[in-house]
Amino acid sequence: MFEWAAQMSDDQWADALSGGGDSVPAMPPADVQAMFVGSSGRASFNEASIFWGRIKEVMAAEGRPMTSASCVLDIGVGWGRIYRWALRDLAATNITGIDVDPKTITMCDEMMPYGDFRHVPPGSDYPVGYDLAVAYSVFSHVSADVAKSILADTYKALNSGGFVAVTTLLPEHIDVWATLTSTEPHASFLSKAKFDQAEWWERAKNGEHLYVPTGGGDESRPSDAYGEAVAPEGWWAGLDDWKLVEYSRPSNLPQALVILKKI
């Protein structure tokens, strides 16, 4: 459906996606875009470009390059920013978007009726048969238990040797939390988490997962599962059944990029 875009540069594709018209998926209102990803319009695709481009580079370097036959699972699809970006490289039939929030699935279905979008409540099985799973700004929000559960489900969803690429808050976010200890509502959240700036820096250096239970404002994002999270490099390196291929801080990406390979 989007074969016409295959030779476009990243800038051209971002312009096309954000420019509107019958040839590209409709976009949600700007405030909805920003609520999910912190930006809207043309700017919302800048991070998608960096994220997706680096994934393709790493897969190629690992001897498993992305091809038109690759199948991708978009975990936490939201309004479909990464899903849209992938349409330049892959047919919509090769991409599945899942989310715990049924409202996002309804939104994506309406804007991209040719796509494959599925509501997957916590504890439900993921669809299977994928070469790559992506989860942008998911692991920056979930508790350690939920993170491990998502990874376990993702492991089952991936083909042998498949990859998962995610983002998470940088350890420097500890210093951001430190500025909010007297400002509500974060003061209460941080108190509940027993936040201590120096101690949490030591924990991060030791590879511990750090989590502040803020909740996400609706029943699909309760505070025991959803908040703000820092998963440092050592946490990823210590996971069983995965090879940590990359933990990096790409320029112009506000979060750490993590790429794991199923072993």
C-alpha atoms as a PDB file:
ATOM      1  CA  MET A   1       0.000   0.000   0.000  1.00  0.00           C
ATOM      2  CA  PHE A   2       2.889   2.340   0.739  1.00  0.00           C
ATOM      3  CA  GLU A   3       5.335   1.068  -1.886  1.00  0.00           C
ATOM      4  CA  TRP A   4       5.472   4.618  -3.247  1.00  0.00           C
ATOM      5  CA  ALA A   5       7.264   5.682  -0.059  1.00  0.00           C
ATOM      6  CA  ALA A   6      10.020   3.042  -0.167  1.00  0.00           C
ATOM      7  CA  GLN A   7      12.633   5.367  -1.655  1.00  0.00           C
ATOM      8  CA  MET A   8      11.783   8.381   0.481  1.00  0.00           C
ATOM      9  CA  SER A   9      14.325   9.825   2.888  1.00  0.00           C
ATOM     10  CA  ASP A  10      13.440  10.048   6.566  1.00  0.00           C
ATOM     11  CA  ASP A  11      12.682  13.758   6.195  1.00  0.00           C
ATOM     12  CA  GLN A  12      10.449  13.154   3.199  1.00  0.00           C
ATOM     13  CA  TRP A  13       8.577  10.352   4.961  1.00  0.00           C
ATOM     14  CA  ALA A  14       8.077  12.461   8.092  1.00  0.00           C
ATOM     15  CA  ASP A  15       6.776  15.318   5.966  1.00  0.00           C
ATOM     16  CA  ALA A  16       4.386  12.967   4.165  1.00  0.00           C
ATOM     17  CA  LEU A  17       3.045  11.352   7.348  1.00  0.00           C
ATOM     18  CA  SER A  18       2.492  14.669   9.095  1.00  0.00           C
ATOM     19  CA  GLY A  19       1.231  16.494   6.013  1.00  0.00           C
ATOM     20  CA  GLY A  20      -2.085  14.672   5.755  1.00  0.00           C
ATOM     21  CA  GLY A  21      -3.979  13.691   2.646  1.00  0.00           C
ATOM     22  CA  ASP A  22      -5.585  10.529   1.348  1.00  0.00           C
ATOM     23  CA  SER A  23      -2.286   8.741   0.676  1.00  0.00           C
ATOM     24  CA  VAL A  24      -1.220   8.487   4.351  1.00  0.00           C
ATOM     25  CA  PRO A  25      -2.970   7.479   7.594  1.00  0.00           C
ATOM     26  CA  ALA A  26      -5.021  10.179   9.281  1.00  0.00           C
ATOM     27  CA  MET A  27      -3.453  11.676  12.394  1.00  0.00           C
ATOM     28  CA  PRO A  28      -5.196  12.059  15.758  1.00  0.00           C
ATOM     29  CA  PRO A  29      -5.695  15.569  17.193  1.00  0.00           C
ATOM     30  CA  ALA A  30      -2.467  17.298  18.203  1.00  0.00           C
ATOM     31  CA  ASP A  31      -3.306  17.160  21.904  1.00  0.00           C
ATOM     32  CA  VAL A  32      -3.808  13.396  21.716  1.00  0.00           C
ATOM     33  CA  GLN A  33      -0.485  12.963  19.942  1.00  0.00           C
ATOM     34  CA  ALA A  34       1.313  15.055  22.560  1.00  0.00           C
ATOM     35  CA  MET A  35      -0.392  13.261  25.468  1.00  0.00           C
ATOM     36  CA  PHE A  36       1.220  10.001  24.347  1.00  0.00           C
ATOM     37  CA  VAL A  37       4.612  11.090  22.972  1.00  0.00           C
ATOM     38  CA  GLY A  38       5.222  14.661  24.182  1.00  0.00           C
ATOM     39  CA  SER A  39       5.079  16.219  20.715  1.00  0.00           C
ATOM     40  CA  SER A  40       2.820  16.396  17.696  1.00  0.00           C
ATOM     41  CA  GLY A  41       2.854  16.805  13.926  1.00  0.00           C
ATOM     42  CA  ARG A  42       6.182  16.722  12.102  1.00  0.00           C
ATOM     43  CA  ALA A  43       8.196  16.844  15.337  1.00  0.00           C
ATOM     44  CA  SER A  44       6.549  13.674  16.643  1.00  0.00           C
ATOM     45  CA  PHE A  45       8.351  11.598  14.017  1.00  0.00           C
ATOM     46  CA  ASN A  46      11.877  12.785  14.812  1.00  0.00           C
ATOM     47  CA  GLU A  47      12.333  10.219  17.578  1.00  0.00           C
ATOM     48  CA  ALA A  48      10.650   7.498  15.519  1.00  0.00           C
ATOM     49  CA  SER A  49      13.215   8.074  12.764  1.00  0.00           C
ATOM     50  CA  ILE A  50      16.183   7.727  15.135  1.00  0.00           C
ATOM     51  CA  PHE A  51      14.722   4.718  16.939  1.00  0.00           C
ATOM     52  CA  TRP A  52      13.749   2.788  13.807  1.00  0.00           C
ATOM     53  CA  GLY A  53      16.942   3.639  11.950  1.00  0.00           C
ATOM     54  CA  ARG A  54      19.166   2.348  14.726  1.00  0.00           C
ATOM     55  CA  ILE A  55      17.149  -0.868  15.006  1.00  0.00           C
ATOM     56  CA  LYS A  56      17.709  -1.567  11.322  1.00  0.00           C
ATOM     57  CA  GLU A  57      21.444  -0.911  11.660  1.00  0.00           C
ATOM     58  CA  VAL A  58      21.776  -3.289  14.610  1.00  0.00           C
ATOM     59  CA  MET A  59      19.729  -6.051  12.992  1.00  0.00           C
ATOM     60  CA  ALA A  60      21.933  -5.844   9.884  1.00  0.00           C
ATOM     61  CA  ALA A  61      25.110  -5.911  11.983  1.00  0.00           C
ATOM     62  CA  GLU A  62      23.806  -9.006  13.784  1.00  0.00           C
ATOM     63  CA  GLY A  63      23.312 -10.792  10.467  1.00  0.00           C
ATOM     64  CA  ARG A  64      19.508 -10.622  10.597  1.00  0.00           C
ATOM     65  CA  PRO A  65      18.666  -7.573   8.454  1.00  0.00           C
ATOM     66  CA  MET A  66      15.118  -6.320   8.235  1.00  0.00           C
ATOM     67  CA  THR A  67      13.471  -7.238   4.929  1.00  0.00           C
ATOM     68  CA  SER A  68      10.062  -6.698   3.393  1.00  0.00           C
ATOM     69  CA  ALA A  69       9.134 -10.123   4.792  1.00  0.00           C
ATOM     70  CA  SER A  70       9.990  -9.224   8.389  1.00  0.00           C
ATOM     71  CA  CYS A  71       7.145  -9.269  10.908  1.00  0.00           C
ATOM     72  CA  VAL A  72       6.998  -6.686  13.697  1.00  0.00           C
ATOM     73  CA  LEU A  73       5.054  -6.521  16.965  1.00  0.00           C
ATOM     74  CA  ASP A  74       4.479  -2.956  18.217  1.00  0.00           C
ATOM     75  CA  ILE A  75       3.914  -3.225  21.982  1.00  0.00           C
ATOM     76  CA  GLY A  76       2.124  -0.223  23.473  1.00  0.00           C
ATOM     77  CA  VAL A  77       1.126   1.005  20.036  1.00  0.00           C
ATOM     78  CA  GLY A  78      -0.605   4.126  21.376  1.00  0.00           C
ATOM     79  CA  TRP A  79      -1.807   6.265  18.461  1.00  0.00           C
ATOM     80  CA  GLY A  80       0.477   4.365  16.111  1.00  0.00           C
ATOM     81  CA  ARG A  81       3.513   6.612  15.695  1.00  0.00           C
ATOM     82  CA  ILE A  82       6.047   3.786  15.297  1.00  0.00           C
ATOM     83  CA  TYR A  83       3.478   1.725  13.377  1.00  0.00           C
ATOM     84  CA  ARG A  84       3.097   4.546  10.854  1.00  0.00           C
ATOM     85  CA  TRP A  85       6.837   4.947  10.507  1.00  0.00           C
ATOM     86  CA  ALA A  86       7.283   1.229   9.784  1.00  0.00           C
ATOM     87  CA  LEU A  87       4.833   1.350   6.881  1.00  0.00           C
ATOM     88  CA  ARG A  88       7.570   2.687   4.604  1.00  0.00           C
ATOM     89  CA  ASP A  89       9.499  -0.581   5.037  1.00  0.00           C
ATOM     90  CA  LEU A  90       6.798  -3.168   5.704  1.00  0.00           C
ATOM     91  CA  ALA A  91       3.292  -4.019   4.587  1.00  0.00           C
ATOM     92  CA  ALA A  92       0.604  -3.319   7.173  1.00  0.00           C
ATOM     93  CA  THR A  93      -0.121  -7.056   7.197  1.00  0.00           C
ATOM     94  CA  ASN A  94       3.377  -7.613   8.609  1.00  0.00           C
ATOM     95  CA  ILE A  95       2.899  -5.282  11.586  1.00  0.00           C
ATOM     96  CA  THR A  96       0.737  -5.947  14.641  1.00  0.00           C
ATOM     97  CA  GLY A  97       0.019  -3.218  17.163  1.00  0.00           C
ATOM     98  CA  ILE A  98      -1.060  -4.190  20.678  1.00  0.00           C
ATOM     99  CA  ASP A  99      -1.974  -2.154  23.753  1.00  0.00           C
ATOM    100  CA  VAL A 100      -3.502  -2.613  27.209  1.00  0.00           C
ATOM    101  CA  ASP A 101      -5.715   0.421  26.548  1.00  0.00           C
ATOM    102  CA  PRO A 102      -8.703  -0.472  24.356  1.00  0.00           C
ATOM    103  CA  LYS A 103      -9.214   3.190  23.446  1.00  0.00           C
ATOM    104  CA  THR A 104      -5.929   3.252  21.561  1.00  0.00           C
ATOM    105  CA  ILE A 105      -6.895   0.175  19.568  1.00  0.00           C
ATOM    106  CA  THR A 106     -10.193   1.752  18.576  1.00  0.00           C
ATOM    107  CA  MET A 107      -8.345   4.912  17.529  1.00  0.00           C
ATOM    108  CA  CYS A 108      -5.815   3.010  15.421  1.00  0.00           C
ATOM    109  CA  ASP A 109      -8.511   0.868  13.816  1.00  0.00           C
ATOM    110  CA  GLU A 110     -10.391   3.988  12.773  1.00  0.00           C
ATOM    111  CA  MET A 111      -7.327   5.735  11.338  1.00  0.00           C
ATOM    112  CA  MET A 112      -5.710   2.651   9.787  1.00  0.00           C
ATOM    113  CA  PRO A 113      -8.483   0.137   9.010  1.00  0.00           C
ATOM    114  CA  TYR A 114      -6.044  -1.917   6.925  1.00  0.00           C
ATOM    115  CA  GLY A 115      -3.802  -2.467   9.960  1.00  0.00           C
ATOM    116  CA  ASP A 116      -3.702  -5.234  12.558  1.00  0.00           C
ATOM    117  CA  PHE A 117      -4.468  -3.846  16.022  1.00  0.00           C
ATOM    118  CA  ARG A 118      -5.358  -5.900  19.074  1.00  0.00           C
ATOM    119  CA  HIS A 119      -6.357  -5.143  22.644  1.00  0.00           C
ATOM    120  CA  VAL A 120      -4.183  -7.311  24.899  1.00  0.00           C
ATOM    121  CA  PRO A 121      -5.091  -6.843  28.590  1.00  0.00           C
ATOM    122  CA  PRO A 122      -2.404  -7.558  31.205  1.00  0.00           C
ATOM    123  CA  GLY A 123      -1.964 -11.301  31.608  1.00  0.00           C
ATOM    124  CA  SER A 124      -3.184 -12.124  28.108  1.00  0.00           C
ATOM    125  CA  ASP A 125      -0.990 -13.945  25.605  1.00  0.00           C
ATOM    126  CA  TYR A 126       0.717 -11.973  22.870  1.00  0.00           C
ATOM    127  CA  PRO A 127       0.327 -13.049  19.242  1.00  0.00           C
ATOM    128  CA  VAL A 128       3.361 -15.001  17.981  1.00  0.00           C
ATOM    129  CA  GLY A 129       5.606 -15.275  14.929  1.00  0.00           C
ATOM    130  CA  TYR A 130       7.577 -12.015  14.929  1.00  0.00           C
ATOM    131  CA  ASP A 131      11.145 -11.157  13.980  1.00  0.00           C
ATOM    132  CA  LEU A 132      11.170  -7.882  15.902  1.00  0.00           C
ATOM    133  CA  ALA A 133       9.201  -6.403  18.772  1.00  0.00           C
ATOM    134  CA  VAL A 134       9.339  -2.700  19.602  1.00  0.00           C
ATOM    135  CA  ALA A 135       8.181  -0.915  22.742  1.00  0.00           C
ATOM    136  CA  TYR A 136       8.860   2.799  22.636  1.00  0.00           C
ATOM    137  CA  SER A 137       8.379   4.542  25.997  1.00  0.00           C
ATOM    138  CA  VAL A 138       6.845   1.454  27.594  1.00  0.00           C
ATOM    139  CA  PHE A 139       9.720   0.360  29.826  1.00  0.00           C
ATOM    140  CA  SER A 140      10.117   3.984  30.925  1.00  0.00           C
ATOM    141  CA  HIS A 141       6.753   3.587  32.667  1.00  0.00           C
ATOM    142  CA  VAL A 142       6.328   0.075  34.060  1.00  0.00           C
ATOM    143  CA  SER A 143       7.359  -1.575  37.314  1.00  0.00           C
ATOM    144  CA  ALA A 144      10.065  -4.239  37.401  1.00  0.00           C
ATOM    145  CA  ASP A 145       7.520  -7.049  37.714  1.00  0.00           C
ATOM    146  CA  VAL A 146       5.516  -5.757  34.762  1.00  0.00           C
ATOM    147  CA  ALA A 147       8.703  -5.235  32.745  1.00  0.00           C
ATOM    148  CA  LYS A 148       9.726  -8.860  33.302  1.00  0.00           C
ATOM    149  CA  SER A 149       6.221 -10.042  32.428  1.00  0.00           C
ATOM    150  CA  ILE A 150       6.250  -8.090  29.163  1.00  0.00           C
ATOM    151  CA  LEU A 151       9.665  -9.500  28.300  1.00  0.00           C
ATOM    152  CA  ALA A 152       8.493 -13.049  29.033  1.00  0.00           C
ATOM    153  CA  ASP A 153       5.486 -12.581  26.747  1.00  0.00           C
ATOM    154  CA  THR A 154       7.692 -10.971  24.109  1.00  0.00           C
ATOM    155  CA  TYR A 155      10.131 -13.876  24.257  1.00  0.00           C
ATOM    156  CA  LYS A 156       7.300 -16.260  23.385  1.00  0.00           C
ATOM    157  CA  ALA A 157       6.085 -13.940  20.625  1.00  0.00           C
ATOM    158  CA  LEU A 158       9.444 -13.781  18.832  1.00  0.00           C
ATOM    159  CA  ASN A 159      10.854 -16.214  16.339  1.00  0.00           C
ATOM    160  CA  SER A 160      14.220 -17.817  17.129  1.00  0.00           C
ATOM    161  CA  GLY A 161      16.934 -15.158  17.133  1.00  0.00           C
ATOM    162  CA  GLY A 162      14.378 -12.339  17.117  1.00  0.00           C
ATOM    163  CA  PHE A 163      14.982  -8.889  18.555  1.00  0.00           C
ATOM    164  CA  VAL A 164      13.178  -6.559  20.920  1.00  0.00           C
ATOM    165  CA  ALA A 165      13.985  -2.842  20.921  1.00  0.00           C
ATOM    166  CA  VAL A 166      12.755  -0.599  23.727  1.00  0.00           C
ATOM    167  CA  THR A 167      13.429   2.706  25.438  1.00  0.00           C
ATOM    168  CA  THR A 168      13.709   3.530  29.122  1.00  0.00           C
ATOM    169  CA  LEU A 169      14.446   6.619  31.190  1.00  0.00           C
ATOM    170  CA  LEU A 170      18.119   7.433  31.644  1.00  0.00           C
ATOM    171  CA  PRO A 171      19.677   7.144  35.130  1.00  0.00           C
ATOM    172  CA  GLU A 172      19.972  10.935  35.100  1.00  0.00           C
ATOM    173  CA  HIS A 173      16.226  11.008  35.667  1.00  0.00           C
ATOM    174  CA  ILE A 174      17.072  10.354  39.312  1.00  0.00           C
ATOM    175  CA  ASP A 175      18.187  13.991  39.462  1.00  0.00           C
ATOM    176  CA  VAL A 176      14.888  15.077  37.926  1.00  0.00           C
ATOM    177  CA  TRP A 177      13.016  13.182  40.631  1.00  0.00           C
ATOM    178  CA  ALA A 178      15.179  14.930  43.235  1.00  0.00           C
ATOM    179  CA  THR A 179      13.841  18.311  42.093  1.00  0.00           C
ATOM    180  CA  LEU A 180      10.246  17.140  42.623  1.00  0.00           C
ATOM    181  CA  THR A 181      10.396  15.912  46.231  1.00  0.00           C
ATOM    182  CA  SER A 182       8.567  19.006  47.481  1.00  0.00           C
ATOM    183  CA  THR A 183       6.164  19.373  44.554  1.00  0.00           C
ATOM    184  CA  GLU A 184       2.837  17.584  44.469  1.00  0.00           C
ATOM    185  CA  PRO A 185       1.729  15.176  43.185  1.00  0.00           C
ATOM    186  CA  HIS A 186       5.267  13.823  42.704  1.00  0.00           C
ATOM    187  CA  ALA A 187       6.189  14.433  46.333  1.00  0.00           C
ATOM    188  CA  SER A 188       3.653  11.825  47.434  1.00  0.00           C
ATOM    189  CA  PHE A 189       4.663   9.362  44.724  1.00  0.00           C
ATOM    190  CA  LEU A 190       8.357   9.680  45.601  1.00  0.00           C
ATOM    191  CA  SER A 191       7.645   9.334  49.310  1.00  0.00           C
ATOM    192  CA  LYS A 192       5.700   6.142  48.658  1.00  0.00           C
ATOM    193  CA  ALA A 193       8.681   4.808  46.679  1.00  0.00           C
ATOM    194  CA  LYS A 194      11.069   5.776  49.534  1.00  0.00           C
ATOM    195  CA  PHE A 195      13.095   7.859  47.110  1.00  0.00           C
ATOM    196  CA  ASP A 196      16.586   8.902  48.173  1.00  0.00           C
ATOM    197  CA  GLN A 197      18.742  10.528  45.517  1.00  0.00           C
ATOM    198  CA  ALA A 198      22.138   9.220  46.638  1.00  0.00           C
ATOM    199  CA  GLU A 199      20.845   5.752  47.443  1.00  0.00           C
ATOM    200  CA  TRP A 200      19.013   5.471  44.118  1.00  0.00           C
ATOM    201  CA  TRP A 201      22.123   6.472  42.201  1.00  0.00           C
ATOM    202  CA  GLU A 202      23.978   3.631  43.914  1.00  0.00           C
ATOM    203  CA  ARG A 203      21.172   1.248  43.088  1.00  0.00           C
ATOM    204  CA  ALA A 204      21.262   2.319  39.443  1.00  0.00           C
ATOM    205  CA  LYS A 205      25.021   1.768  39.316  1.00  0.00           C
ATOM    206  CA  ASN A 206      24.401  -1.709  40.722  1.00  0.00           C
ATOM    207  CA  GLY A 207      21.920  -2.481  37.952  1.00  0.00           C
ATOM    208  CA  GLU A 208      18.719  -2.203  39.988  1.00  0.00           C
ATOM    209  CA  HIS A 209      15.399  -1.279  38.437  1.00  0.00           C
ATOM    210  CA  LEU A 210      13.976   1.972  39.876  1.00  0.00           C
ATOM    211  CA  TYR A 211      10.275   2.747  39.886  1.00  0.00           C
ATOM    212  CA  VAL A 212       7.991   5.569  41.065  1.00  0.00           C
ATOM    213  CA  PRO A 213       4.278   4.575  41.162  1.00  0.00           C
ATOM    214  CA  THR A 214       2.483   7.557  39.625  1.00  0.00           C
ATOM    215  CA  GLY A 215      -0.304   5.718  37.814  1.00  0.00           C
ATOM    216  CA  GLY A 216      -1.443   6.665  34.355  1.00  0.00           C
ATOM    217  CA  GLY A 217      -4.788   8.295  34.952  1.00  0.00           C
ATOM    218  CA  ASP A 218      -7.111   5.440  33.962  1.00  0.00           C
ATOM    219  CA  GLU A 219      -7.919   1.871  34.953  1.00  0.00           C
ATOM    220  CA  SER A 220      -5.650   0.376  32.289  1.00  0.00           C
ATOM    221  CA  ARG A 221      -2.632   2.021  33.976  1.00  0.00           C
ATOM    222  CA  PRO A 222      -2.832   1.443  37.773  1.00  0.00           C
ATOM    223  CA  SER A 223      -0.026   2.797  39.960  1.00  0.00           C
ATOM    224  CA  ASP A 224       1.227  -0.652  40.964  1.00  0.00           C
ATOM    225  CA  ALA A 225       2.065  -1.275  37.311  1.00  0.00           C
ATOM    226  CA  TYR A 226       2.405   2.129  35.660  1.00  0.00           C
ATOM    227  CA  GLY A 227       4.537   5.102  36.656  1.00  0.00           C
ATOM    228  CA  GLU A 228       8.051   6.282  35.875  1.00  0.00           C
ATOM    229  CA  ALA A 229      10.945   3.839  35.575  1.00  0.00           C
ATOM    230  CA  VAL A 230      14.693   3.769  35.132  1.00  0.00           C
ATOM    231  CA  ALA A 231      16.051   0.405  33.993  1.00  0.00           C
ATOM    232  CA  PRO A 232      19.844   0.866  33.869  1.00  0.00           C
ATOM    233  CA  GLU A 233      22.216  -1.048  31.632  1.00  0.00           C
ATOM    234  CA  GLY A 234      23.122  -3.546  34.350  1.00  0.00           C
ATOM    235  CA  TRP A 235      19.482  -4.563  34.760  1.00  0.00           C
ATOM    236  CA  TRP A 236      19.231  -5.479  31.088  1.00  0.00           C
ATOM    237  CA  ALA A 237      22.586  -7.252  31.106  1.00  0.00           C
ATOM    238  CA  GLY A 238      21.395  -9.490  33.936  1.00  0.00           C
ATOM    239  CA  LEU A 239      18.311 -10.823  32.169  1.00  0.00           C
ATOM    240  CA  ASP A 240      18.135 -14.550  31.486  1.00  0.00           C
ATOM    241  CA  ASP A 241      17.458 -15.840  27.958  1.00  0.00           C
ATOM    242  CA  TRP A 242      18.406 -12.567  26.285  1.00  0.00           C
ATOM    243  CA  LYS A 243      21.597 -11.190  24.772  1.00  0.00           C
ATOM    244  CA  LEU A 244      22.036  -7.472  25.416  1.00  0.00           C
ATOM    245  CA  VAL A 245      23.047  -6.240  21.976  1.00  0.00           C
ATOM    246  CA  GLU A 246      22.957  -2.536  22.726  1.00  0.00           C
ATOM    247  CA  TYR A 247      22.328  -0.058  25.517  1.00  0.00           C
ATOM    248  CA  SER A 248      22.970   3.374  24.072  1.00  0.00           C
ATOM    249  CA  ARG A 249      22.102   7.046  24.237  1.00  0.00           C
ATOM    250  CA  PRO A 250      21.505   8.097  20.639  1.00  0.00           C
ATOM    251  CA  SER A 251      21.834  11.797  19.924  1.00  0.00           C
ATOM    252  CA  ASN A 252      18.468  13.589  19.969  1.00  0.00           C
ATOM    253  CA  LEU A 253      16.721  10.654  21.642  1.00  0.00           C
ATOM    254  CA  PRO A 254      15.570  11.612  25.165  1.00  0.00           C
ATOM    255  CA  GLN A 255      15.672   8.041  26.491  1.00  0.00           C
ATOM    256  CA  ALA A 256      18.115   5.153  26.480  1.00  0.00           C
ATOM    257  CA  LEU A 257      17.773   2.694  23.596  1.00  0.00           C
ATOM    258  CA  VAL A 258      17.963  -0.994  24.483  1.00  0.00           C
ATOM    259  CA  ILE A 259      18.115  -3.814  21.950  1.00  0.00           C
ATOM    260  CA  LEU A 260      17.947  -7.449  23.080  1.00  0.00           C
ATOM    261  CA  LYS A 261      18.246 -10.647  21.055  1.00  0.00           C
ATOM    262  CA  LYS A 262      16.409 -13.838  21.927  1.00  0.00           C
ATOM    263  CA  ILE A 263      18.795 -16.684  22.760  1.00  0.00           C
END
